C-alpha cells in the first residue's frame, strides 16, 4: 500500500540515524479527514471505527489522486 511517504521528514543524521522519519502522508491526510468528520455534529456520535475507516478511505483516495496528477 502506498502511504504517500513521509509527511514532515526530519533528518536524523548526526543523531545515530542515517535517514529521515516522521508521520506518513496517509496518516496526516486521515487525521485531517477525521478532524473534519468529527466537526460535523451529526457524525460525531457515530461508531468510532466507521469514522476512522472513512477517514483512511479519504486519505487513500487523496494519495491516489495525488499520484495521478
PDB file of N, CA and C in Angstrom:
ATOM      1  N   UNK A   1       0.849  -1.187   0.000  1.00  0.00           N
ATOM      2  CA  UNK A   1       0.000   0.000   0.000  1.00  0.00           C
ATOM      3  C   UNK A   1       0.887   1.239   0.000  1.00  0.00           C
ATOM      4  N   UNK A   2       0.532   2.187  -0.819  1.00  0.00           N
ATOM      5  CA  UNK A   2       1.257   3.439  -0.896  1.00  0.00           C
ATOM      6  C   UNK A   2       0.800   4.335   0.242  1.00  0.00           C
ATOM      7  N   UNK A   3       1.736   4.670   1.147  1.00  0.00           N
ATOM      8  CA  UNK A   3       1.374   5.544   2.264  1.00  0.00           C
ATOM      9  C   UNK A   3       1.718   6.996   1.982  1.00  0.00           C
ATOM     10  N   UNK A   4       2.182   7.280   0.760  1.00  0.00           N
ATOM     11  CA  UNK A   4       2.483   8.655   0.377  1.00  0.00           C
ATOM     12  C   UNK A   4       3.852   9.137   0.811  1.00  0.00           C
ATOM     13  N   UNK A   5       4.582   8.307   1.524  1.00  0.00           N
ATOM     14  CA  UNK A   5       5.898   8.735   2.016  1.00  0.00           C
ATOM     15  C   UNK A   5       5.763   9.494   3.317  1.00  0.00           C
ATOM     16  N   UNK A   6       6.810  10.179   3.681  1.00  0.00           N
ATOM     17  CA  UNK A   6       6.855  10.909   4.949  1.00  0.00           C
ATOM     18  C   UNK A   6       6.234  12.289   4.757  1.00  0.00           C
ATOM     19  N   UNK A   7       5.313  12.657   5.656  1.00  0.00           N
ATOM     20  CA  UNK A   7       4.626  13.946   5.541  1.00  0.00           C
ATOM     21  C   UNK A   7       5.534  15.102   5.941  1.00  0.00           C
ATOM     22  N   UNK A   8       6.237  14.960   7.017  1.00  0.00           N
ATOM     23  CA  UNK A   8       7.109  16.010   7.536  1.00  0.00           C
ATOM     24  C   UNK A   8       8.469  15.407   7.839  1.00  0.00           C
ATOM     25  N   UNK A   9       9.270  15.172   6.807  1.00  0.00           N
ATOM     26  CA  UNK A   9      10.543  14.498   7.036  1.00  0.00           C
ATOM     27  C   UNK A   9      11.470  15.293   7.943  1.00  0.00           C
ATOM     28  N   UNK A  10      12.109  14.579   8.823  1.00  0.00           N
ATOM     29  CA  UNK A  10      13.074  15.170   9.735  1.00  0.00           C
ATOM     30  C   UNK A  10      14.372  14.401   9.569  1.00  0.00           C
ATOM     31  N   UNK A  11      15.422  15.096   9.237  1.00  0.00           N
ATOM     32  CA  UNK A  11      16.705  14.437   9.083  1.00  0.00           C
ATOM     33  C   UNK A  11      17.259  14.098  10.455  1.00  0.00           C
ATOM     34  N   UNK A  12      17.614  12.850  10.622  1.00  0.00           N
ATOM     35  CA  UNK A  12      18.157  12.400  11.906  1.00  0.00           C
ATOM     36  C   UNK A  12      19.656  12.136  11.830  1.00  0.00           C
ATOM     37  N   UNK A  13      20.284  12.585  10.780  1.00  0.00           N
ATOM     38  CA  UNK A  13      21.718  12.380  10.650  1.00  0.00           C
ATOM     39  C   UNK A  13      22.427  13.100  11.779  1.00  0.00           C
ATOM     40  N   UNK A  14      23.386  12.431  12.311  1.00  0.00           N
ATOM     41  CA  UNK A  14      24.108  13.003  13.441  1.00  0.00           C
ATOM     42  C   UNK A  14      23.492  12.634  14.773  1.00  0.00           C
ATOM     43  N   UNK A  15      22.334  12.001  14.741  1.00  0.00           N
ATOM     44  CA  UNK A  15      21.657  11.562  15.960  1.00  0.00           C
ATOM     45  C   UNK A  15      21.690  10.036  16.055  1.00  0.00           C
ATOM     46  N   UNK A  16      22.612   9.426  15.331  1.00  0.00           N
ATOM     47  CA  UNK A  16      22.736   7.977  15.358  1.00  0.00           C
ATOM     48  C   UNK A  16      21.877   7.285  14.322  1.00  0.00           C
ATOM     49  N   UNK A  17      21.281   8.054  13.411  1.00  0.00           N
ATOM     50  CA  UNK A  17      20.436   7.501  12.356  1.00  0.00           C
ATOM     51  C   UNK A  17      20.949   7.995  11.010  1.00  0.00           C
ATOM     52  N   UNK A  18      20.669   7.274   9.981  1.00  0.00           N
ATOM     53  CA  UNK A  18      21.058   7.673   8.631  1.00  0.00           C
ATOM     54  C   UNK A  18      19.850   7.778   7.726  1.00  0.00           C
ATOM     55  N   UNK A  19      18.949   8.642   8.005  1.00  0.00           N
ATOM     56  CA  UNK A  19      17.769   8.764   7.169  1.00  0.00           C
ATOM     57  C   UNK A  19      16.796   9.776   7.727  1.00  0.00           C
ATOM     58  N   UNK A  20      15.567   9.631   7.316  1.00  0.00           N
ATOM     59  CA  UNK A  20      14.519  10.539   7.763  1.00  0.00           C
ATOM     60  C   UNK A  20      13.362   9.728   8.312  1.00  0.00           C
ATOM     61  N   UNK A  21      12.620  10.320   9.196  1.00  0.00           N
ATOM     62  CA  UNK A  21      11.433   9.655   9.718  1.00  0.00           C
ATOM     63  C   UNK A  21      10.365  10.706   9.973  1.00  0.00           C
ATOM     64  N   UNK A  22       9.199  10.265  10.247  1.00  0.00           N
ATOM     65  CA  UNK A  22       8.094  11.169  10.511  1.00  0.00           C
ATOM     66  C   UNK A  22       6.780  10.489  10.206  1.00  0.00           C
ATOM     67  N   UNK A  23       5.726  11.217  10.367  1.00  0.00           N
ATOM     68  CA  UNK A  23       4.374  10.721  10.108  1.00  0.00           C
ATOM     69  C   UNK A  23       4.201  10.480   8.616  1.00  0.00           C
ATOM     70  N   UNK A  24       3.499   9.401   8.272  1.00  0.00           N
ATOM     71  CA  UNK A  24       3.247   9.155   6.847  1.00  0.00           C
ATOM     72  C   UNK A  24       2.210  10.149   6.344  1.00  0.00           C
ATOM     73  N   UNK A  25       2.279  10.415   5.060  1.00  0.00           N
ATOM     74  CA  UNK A  25       1.321  11.322   4.444  1.00  0.00           C
ATOM     75  C   UNK A  25      -0.095  10.756   4.565  1.00  0.00           C
ATOM     76  N   UNK A  26      -0.217   9.428   4.500  1.00  0.00           N
ATOM     77  CA  UNK A  26      -1.531   8.783   4.641  1.00  0.00           C
ATOM     78  C   UNK A  26      -2.118   9.068   6.021  1.00  0.00           C
ATOM     79  N   UNK A  27      -1.296   8.929   7.068  1.00  0.00           N
ATOM     80  CA  UNK A  27      -1.774   9.213   8.424  1.00  0.00           C
ATOM     81  C   UNK A  27      -2.147  10.685   8.583  1.00  0.00           C
ATOM     82  N   UNK A  28      -1.360  11.567   7.983  1.00  0.00           N
ATOM     83  CA  UNK A  28      -1.649  13.002   8.061  1.00  0.00           C
ATOM     84  C   UNK A  28      -2.983  13.319   7.383  1.00  0.00           C
ATOM     85  N   UNK A  29      -3.162  12.790   6.168  1.00  0.00           N
ATOM     86  CA  UNK A  29      -4.424  13.014   5.466  1.00  0.00           C
ATOM     87  C   UNK A  29      -5.601  12.438   6.251  1.00  0.00           C
ATOM     88  N   UNK A  30      -5.428  11.243   6.819  1.00  0.00           N
ATOM     89  CA  UNK A  30      -6.507  10.617   7.593  1.00  0.00           C
ATOM     90  C   UNK A  30      -6.842  11.448   8.826  1.00  0.00           C
ATOM     91  N   UNK A  31      -5.833  11.985   9.485  1.00  0.00           N
ATOM     92  CA  UNK A  31      -6.071  12.811  10.669  1.00  0.00           C
ATOM     93  C   UNK A  31      -6.871  14.057  10.308  1.00  0.00           C
ATOM     94  N   UNK A  32      -6.517  14.675   9.180  1.00  0.00           N
ATOM     95  CA  UNK A  32      -7.252  15.861   8.741  1.00  0.00           C
ATOM     96  C   UNK A  32      -8.690  15.511   8.357  1.00  0.00           C
ATOM     97  N   UNK A  33      -8.859  14.384   7.673  1.00  0.00           N
ATOM     98  CA  UNK A  33     -10.206  13.957   7.298  1.00  0.00           C
ATOM     99  C   UNK A  33     -11.038  13.644   8.537  1.00  0.00           C
ATOM    100  N   UNK A  34     -10.441  12.974   9.513  1.00  0.00           N
ATOM    101  CA  UNK A  34     -11.159  12.641  10.746  1.00  0.00           C
ATOM    102  C   UNK A  34     -11.548  13.906  11.502  1.00  0.00           C
ATOM    103  N   UNK A  35     -10.666  14.880  11.489  1.00  0.00           N
ATOM    104  CA  UNK A  35     -10.972  16.157  12.138  1.00  0.00           C
ATOM    105  C   UNK A  35     -12.213  16.789  11.502  1.00  0.00           C
ATOM    106  N   UNK A  36     -12.285  16.752  10.194  1.00  0.00           N
ATOM    107  CA  UNK A  36     -13.448  17.288   9.503  1.00  0.00           C
ATOM    108  C   UNK A  36     -14.707  16.498   9.794  1.00  0.00           C
ATOM    109  N   UNK A  37     -14.580  15.176   9.822  1.00  0.00           N
ATOM    110  CA  UNK A  37     -15.743  14.335  10.118  1.00  0.00           C
ATOM    111  C   UNK A  37     -16.269  14.611  11.526  1.00  0.00           C
ATOM    112  N   UNK A  38     -15.364  14.751  12.483  1.00  0.00           N
ATOM    113  CA  UNK A  38     -15.783  14.982  13.866  1.00  0.00           C
ATOM    114  C   UNK A  38     -16.345  16.387  14.076  1.00  0.00           C
ATOM    115  N   UNK A  39     -15.972  17.316  13.205  1.00  0.00           N
ATOM    116  CA  UNK A  39     -16.508  18.673  13.302  1.00  0.00           C
ATOM    117  C   UNK A  39     -17.985  18.713  12.920  1.00  0.00           C
ATOM    118  N   UNK A  40     -18.442  17.695  12.199  1.00  0.00           N
ATOM    119  CA  UNK A  40     -19.846  17.604  11.814  1.00  0.00           C
ATOM    120  C   UNK A  40     -20.606  16.962  12.978  1.00  0.00           C
ATOM    121  N   UNK A  41     -21.388  17.741  13.684  1.00  0.00           N
ATOM    122  CA  UNK A  41     -22.070  17.244  14.877  1.00  0.00           C
ATOM    123  C   UNK A  41     -22.988  16.061  14.589  1.00  0.00           C
ATOM    124  N   UNK A  42     -23.471  15.953  13.360  1.00  0.00           N
ATOM    125  CA  UNK A  42     -24.345  14.826  13.004  1.00  0.00           C
ATOM    126  C   UNK A  42     -23.561  13.520  12.957  1.00  0.00           C
ATOM    127  N   UNK A  43     -22.258  13.604  12.708  1.00  0.00           N
ATOM    128  CA  UNK A  43     -21.426  12.398  12.619  1.00  0.00           C
ATOM    129  C   UNK A  43     -20.639  12.118  13.887  1.00  0.00           C
ATOM    130  N   UNK A  44     -20.513  13.090  14.756  1.00  0.00           N
ATOM    131  CA  UNK A  44     -19.612  12.980  15.904  1.00  0.00           C
ATOM    132  C   UNK A  44     -19.943  11.812  16.834  1.00  0.00           C
ATOM    133  N   UNK A  45     -21.180  11.369  16.861  1.00  0.00           N
ATOM    134  CA  UNK A  45     -21.564  10.298  17.781  1.00  0.00           C
ATOM    135  C   UNK A  45     -21.748   8.954  17.090  1.00  0.00           C
ATOM    136  N   UNK A  46     -21.290   8.838  15.835  1.00  0.00           N
ATOM    137  CA  UNK A  46     -21.341   7.560  15.132  1.00  0.00           C
ATOM    138  C   UNK A  46     -20.268   6.642  15.667  1.00  0.00           C
ATOM    139  N   UNK A  47     -20.328   5.416  15.246  1.00  0.00           N
ATOM    140  CA  UNK A  47     -19.331   4.431  15.637  1.00  0.00           C
ATOM    141  C   UNK A  47     -17.939   4.937  15.274  1.00  0.00           C
ATOM    142  N   UNK A  48     -17.029   4.938  16.242  1.00  0.00           N
ATOM    143  CA  UNK A  48     -15.680   5.460  16.024  1.00  0.00           C
ATOM    144  C   UNK A  48     -14.940   4.706  14.931  1.00  0.00           C
ATOM    145  N   UNK A  49     -15.089   3.392  14.906  1.00  0.00           N
ATOM    146  CA  UNK A  49     -14.369   2.591  13.909  1.00  0.00           C
ATOM    147  C   UNK A  49     -14.800   2.939  12.496  1.00  0.00           C
ATOM    148  N   UNK A  50     -16.072   3.200  12.306  1.00  0.00           N
ATOM    149  CA  UNK A  50     -16.531   3.549  10.958  1.00  0.00           C
ATOM    150  C   UNK A  50     -16.015   4.926  10.548  1.00  0.00           C
ATOM    151  N   UNK A  51     -15.917   5.849  11.495  1.00  0.00           N
ATOM    152  CA  UNK A  51     -15.368   7.166  11.179  1.00  0.00           C
ATOM    153  C   UNK A  51     -13.889   7.078  10.815  1.00  0.00           C
ATOM    154  N   UNK A  52     -13.147   6.278  11.563  1.00  0.00           N
ATOM    155  CA  UNK A  52     -11.717   6.105  11.272  1.00  0.00           C
ATOM    156  C   UNK A  52     -11.533   5.437   9.910  1.00  0.00           C
ATOM    157  N   UNK A  53     -12.327   4.408   9.638  1.00  0.00           N
ATOM    158  CA  UNK A  53     -12.243   3.729   8.340  1.00  0.00           C
ATOM    159  C   UNK A  53     -12.567   4.702   7.215  1.00  0.00           C
ATOM    160  N   UNK A  54     -13.548   5.542   7.414  1.00  0.00           N
ATOM    161  CA  UNK A  54     -13.915   6.524   6.403  1.00  0.00           C
ATOM    162  C   UNK A  54     -12.784   7.539   6.211  1.00  0.00           C
ATOM    163  N   UNK A  55     -12.157   7.955   7.302  1.00  0.00           N
ATOM    164  CA  UNK A  55     -11.049   8.907   7.220  1.00  0.00           C
ATOM    165  C   UNK A  55      -9.890   8.318   6.416  1.00  0.00           C
ATOM    166  N   UNK A  56      -9.562   7.047   6.665  1.00  0.00           N
ATOM    167  CA  UNK A  56      -8.484   6.414   5.903  1.00  0.00           C
ATOM    168  C   UNK A  56      -8.885   6.181   4.452  1.00  0.00           C
ATOM    169  N   UNK A  57     -10.146   5.976   4.195  1.00  0.00           N
ATOM    170  CA  UNK A  57     -10.613   5.852   2.826  1.00  0.00           C
ATOM    171  C   UNK A  57     -10.409   7.174   2.081  1.00  0.00           C
ATOM    172  N   UNK A  58     -10.740   8.282   2.736  1.00  0.00           N
ATOM    173  CA  UNK A  58     -10.482   9.596   2.147  1.00  0.00           C
ATOM    174  C   UNK A  58      -8.988   9.766   1.889  1.00  0.00           C
ATOM    175  N   UNK A  59      -8.162   9.395   2.870  1.00  0.00           N
ATOM    176  CA  UNK A  59      -6.711   9.536   2.733  1.00  0.00           C
ATOM    177  C   UNK A  59      -6.184   8.723   1.560  1.00  0.00           C
ATOM    178  N   UNK A  60      -6.644   7.496   1.441  1.00  0.00           N
ATOM    179  CA  UNK A  60      -6.202   6.639   0.331  1.00  0.00           C
ATOM    180  C   UNK A  60      -6.583   7.253  -1.010  1.00  0.00           C
ATOM    181  N   UNK A  61      -7.796   7.792  -1.092  1.00  0.00           N
ATOM    182  CA  UNK A  61      -8.240   8.432  -2.334  1.00  0.00           C
ATOM    183  C   UNK A  61      -7.423   9.680  -2.630  1.00  0.00           C
ATOM    184  N   UNK A  62      -7.087  10.451  -1.594  1.00  0.00           N
ATOM    185  CA  UNK A  62      -6.287  11.658  -1.797  1.00  0.00           C
ATOM    186  C   UNK A  62      -4.894  11.294  -2.308  1.00  0.00           C
ATOM    187  N   UNK A  63      -4.286  10.242  -1.767  1.00  0.00           N
ATOM    188  CA  UNK A  63      -2.973   9.809  -2.234  1.00  0.00           C
ATOM    189  C   UNK A  63      -3.064   9.302  -3.660  1.00  0.00           C
ATOM    190  N   UNK A  64      -4.088   8.536  -3.942  1.00  0.00           N
ATOM    191  CA  UNK A  64      -4.277   8.008  -5.296  1.00  0.00           C
ATOM    192  C   UNK A  64      -4.399   9.148  -6.316  1.00  0.00           C
ATOM    193  N   UNK A  65      -5.233  10.133  -6.009  1.00  0.00           N
ATOM    194  CA  UNK A  65      -5.419  11.230  -6.931  1.00  0.00           C
ATOM    195  C   UNK A  65      -4.179  12.110  -7.020  1.00  0.00           C
ATOM    196  N   UNK A  66      -3.434  12.199  -5.952  1.00  0.00           N
ATOM    197  CA  UNK A  66      -2.194  12.989  -5.935  1.00  0.00           C
ATOM    198  C   UNK A  66      -1.162  12.365  -6.874  1.00  0.00           C
ATOM    199  N   UNK A  67      -1.091  11.062  -6.877  1.00  0.00           N
ATOM    200  CA  UNK A  67      -0.145  10.350  -7.739  1.00  0.00           C
ATOM    201  C   UNK A  67      -0.566  10.495  -9.204  1.00  0.00           C
ATOM    202  N   UNK A  68      -1.874  10.548  -9.455  1.00  0.00           N
ATOM    203  CA  UNK A  68      -2.387  10.649 -10.814  1.00  0.00           C
ATOM    204  C   UNK A  68      -2.098  12.011 -11.441  1.00  0.00           C
ATOM    205  N   UNK A  69      -2.008  13.033 -10.621  1.00  0.00           N
ATOM    206  CA  UNK A  69      -1.845  14.415 -11.132  1.00  0.00           C
ATOM    207  C   UNK A  69      -0.475  14.674 -11.716  1.00  0.00           C
TER     208      UNK A  69
END
